[in-house]
Each structure stands twice: as C-alpha cells, then as structure tokens.
N, C-alpha and C. Protein backbone atom coordinates (compact mmCIF):
# COMPACT_ATOMS: atom_id res chain seq x y z
N MET A 1 11.77 13.27 1.86
CA MET A 1 10.84 12.22 1.51
C MET A 1 9.42 12.72 1.72
N ASN A 2 8.57 12.43 0.76
CA ASN A 2 7.16 12.78 0.88
C ASN A 2 6.52 11.91 1.96
N ARG A 3 5.64 12.53 2.70
CA ARG A 3 4.92 11.78 3.73
C ARG A 3 3.81 10.95 3.11
N LEU A 4 3.55 9.81 3.73
CA LEU A 4 2.44 8.98 3.28
C LEU A 4 1.13 9.57 3.78
N THR A 5 0.10 9.45 2.94
CA THR A 5 -1.23 9.89 3.35
C THR A 5 -1.81 8.87 4.32
N ASP A 6 -2.89 9.25 4.98
CA ASP A 6 -3.56 8.31 5.88
C ASP A 6 -3.99 7.05 5.13
N ARG A 7 -4.50 7.22 3.90
CA ARG A 7 -4.94 6.07 3.10
C ARG A 7 -3.75 5.18 2.75
N GLU A 8 -2.62 5.78 2.38
CA GLU A 8 -1.44 4.99 2.04
C GLU A 8 -0.95 4.20 3.24
N ILE A 9 -1.00 4.79 4.41
CA ILE A 9 -0.60 4.07 5.62
C ILE A 9 -1.56 2.91 5.87
N GLU A 10 -2.84 3.15 5.67
CA GLU A 10 -3.84 2.10 5.84
C GLU A 10 -3.57 0.94 4.86
N VAL A 11 -3.32 1.28 3.61
CA VAL A 11 -3.04 0.26 2.59
C VAL A 11 -1.73 -0.47 2.91
N MET A 12 -0.71 0.27 3.30
CA MET A 12 0.58 -0.35 3.62
C MET A 12 0.43 -1.34 4.77
N ASN A 13 -0.34 -0.98 5.77
CA ASN A 13 -0.56 -1.89 6.89
C ASN A 13 -1.25 -3.18 6.44
N LEU A 14 -2.19 -3.06 5.51
CA LEU A 14 -2.86 -4.25 5.00
C LEU A 14 -1.92 -5.10 4.15
N VAL A 15 -1.09 -4.46 3.34
CA VAL A 15 -0.12 -5.19 2.53
C VAL A 15 0.84 -5.95 3.44
N THR A 16 1.33 -5.28 4.48
CA THR A 16 2.29 -5.95 5.37
C THR A 16 1.62 -7.03 6.21
N SER A 17 0.30 -7.00 6.26
CA SER A 17 -0.45 -8.06 6.96
C SER A 17 -0.79 -9.22 6.05
N GLY A 18 -0.41 -9.11 4.77
CA GLY A 18 -0.58 -10.23 3.85
C GLY A 18 -1.76 -10.12 2.90
N TYR A 19 -2.48 -9.01 2.93
CA TYR A 19 -3.61 -8.84 2.01
C TYR A 19 -3.10 -8.56 0.61
N ASP A 20 -3.80 -9.07 -0.42
CA ASP A 20 -3.45 -8.72 -1.79
C ASP A 20 -4.31 -7.52 -2.22
N ASN A 21 -4.03 -7.00 -3.41
CA ASN A 21 -4.72 -5.78 -3.87
C ASN A 21 -6.24 -5.95 -3.93
N GLN A 22 -6.69 -7.10 -4.39
CA GLN A 22 -8.13 -7.33 -4.48
C GLN A 22 -8.77 -7.33 -3.09
N GLU A 23 -8.12 -7.97 -2.14
CA GLU A 23 -8.65 -8.01 -0.77
C GLU A 23 -8.66 -6.62 -0.13
N ILE A 24 -7.61 -5.86 -0.39
CA ILE A 24 -7.53 -4.49 0.13
C ILE A 24 -8.65 -3.65 -0.44
N ALA A 25 -8.86 -3.75 -1.75
CA ALA A 25 -9.92 -2.99 -2.41
C ALA A 25 -11.28 -3.31 -1.79
N LYS A 26 -11.53 -4.57 -1.59
CA LYS A 26 -12.82 -4.98 -1.01
C LYS A 26 -12.95 -4.48 0.43
N LYS A 27 -11.90 -4.64 1.21
CA LYS A 27 -11.94 -4.25 2.62
C LYS A 27 -12.13 -2.74 2.78
N LEU A 28 -11.49 -1.95 1.92
CA LEU A 28 -11.56 -0.50 2.02
C LEU A 28 -12.67 0.11 1.16
N ARG A 29 -13.35 -0.76 0.41
CA ARG A 29 -14.44 -0.33 -0.48
C ARG A 29 -13.96 0.72 -1.49
N ILE A 30 -12.84 0.38 -2.12
CA ILE A 30 -12.30 1.20 -3.20
C ILE A 30 -12.03 0.27 -4.38
N SER A 31 -11.80 0.84 -5.55
CA SER A 31 -11.54 0.01 -6.72
C SER A 31 -10.15 -0.62 -6.63
N ARG A 32 -10.00 -1.71 -7.37
CA ARG A 32 -8.68 -2.34 -7.42
C ARG A 32 -7.67 -1.39 -8.05
N ASN A 33 -8.09 -0.62 -9.05
CA ASN A 33 -7.19 0.36 -9.67
C ASN A 33 -6.74 1.40 -8.66
N ALA A 34 -7.64 1.84 -7.79
CA ALA A 34 -7.28 2.82 -6.76
C ALA A 34 -6.28 2.19 -5.79
N THR A 35 -6.49 0.94 -5.47
CA THR A 35 -5.56 0.23 -4.57
C THR A 35 -4.18 0.14 -5.22
N GLU A 36 -4.14 -0.25 -6.47
CA GLU A 36 -2.87 -0.39 -7.17
C GLU A 36 -2.15 0.96 -7.29
N ALA A 37 -2.90 2.03 -7.54
CA ALA A 37 -2.30 3.36 -7.61
C ALA A 37 -1.73 3.77 -6.25
N CYS A 38 -2.43 3.43 -5.21
CA CYS A 38 -1.98 3.74 -3.85
C CYS A 38 -0.69 2.98 -3.52
N VAL A 39 -0.67 1.71 -3.84
CA VAL A 39 0.53 0.89 -3.60
C VAL A 39 1.71 1.43 -4.41
N SER A 40 1.46 1.80 -5.64
CA SER A 40 2.50 2.36 -6.48
C SER A 40 3.05 3.65 -5.88
N SER A 41 2.18 4.48 -5.38
CA SER A 41 2.59 5.73 -4.74
C SER A 41 3.42 5.47 -3.49
N ILE A 42 3.05 4.44 -2.73
CA ILE A 42 3.81 4.07 -1.54
C ILE A 42 5.22 3.67 -1.95
N TYR A 43 5.35 2.80 -2.95
CA TYR A 43 6.67 2.37 -3.42
C TYR A 43 7.51 3.57 -3.83
N LYS A 44 6.90 4.48 -4.56
CA LYS A 44 7.62 5.65 -5.05
C LYS A 44 8.09 6.52 -3.88
N LYS A 45 7.20 6.75 -2.94
CA LYS A 45 7.54 7.60 -1.80
C LYS A 45 8.60 6.96 -0.92
N LEU A 46 8.57 5.68 -0.78
CA LEU A 46 9.54 4.99 0.07
C LEU A 46 10.81 4.62 -0.67
N ASP A 47 10.78 4.82 -2.00
CA ASP A 47 11.92 4.49 -2.84
C ASP A 47 12.36 3.05 -2.60
N ASP A 48 11.37 2.18 -2.57
CA ASP A 48 11.62 0.77 -2.29
C ASP A 48 11.79 0.02 -3.60
N LYS A 49 12.99 -0.02 -4.08
CA LYS A 49 13.26 -0.59 -5.39
C LYS A 49 12.94 -2.08 -5.46
N ASN A 50 13.01 -2.78 -4.36
CA ASN A 50 12.72 -4.21 -4.35
C ASN A 50 11.23 -4.50 -4.18
N LYS A 51 10.45 -3.48 -3.93
CA LYS A 51 9.00 -3.63 -3.72
C LYS A 51 8.71 -4.73 -2.71
N ASN A 52 9.39 -4.65 -1.60
CA ASN A 52 9.21 -5.69 -0.58
C ASN A 52 8.68 -5.04 0.68
N LEU A 53 7.41 -4.64 0.67
CA LEU A 53 6.81 -3.94 1.80
C LEU A 53 6.72 -4.82 3.04
N LYS A 54 6.78 -6.12 2.88
CA LYS A 54 6.63 -6.99 4.05
C LYS A 54 7.77 -6.82 5.05
N LYS A 55 8.87 -6.21 4.61
CA LYS A 55 9.98 -5.96 5.52
C LYS A 55 9.77 -4.69 6.34
N ILE A 56 8.81 -3.87 5.96
CA ILE A 56 8.53 -2.62 6.65
C ILE A 56 7.64 -2.89 7.84
N GLN A 57 8.03 -2.40 8.98
CA GLN A 57 7.23 -2.59 10.18
C GLN A 57 6.13 -1.54 10.23
N PRO A 58 4.86 -1.96 10.43
CA PRO A 58 3.76 -0.99 10.49
C PRO A 58 3.85 -0.10 11.71
C-alpha cells in the first residue's frame, strides 16, 4: 500500500472531523480542485470502495 502524504493525512483528518471539501480548501488555503484530488488519492491509496472515511480513525 502506498503511504499517505502529510497533506493527505491532514485532509483525511479534516474529512473524518466532518469538514466538506469547500471547508477543507478554505482551511488549508488550497483550491477546491486540489482538495478533491487529494481526497481521491486517499480513497485510491486506501482502496476504500465505499468511500466512507468517517469510519477511519485518525
């Protein structure tokens, strides 16, 4: 399994805390597209077919 980058871990922690992509983008001062790409990469790396990150413990 590919390791998550520091940014991906940061984004994953925000997702599991209930933030949506727009809120994450604003909080991290990145574009919404960058946030969405990061979330997509997280799903791919974790092979989370249900896309249910809230079950993952930070």
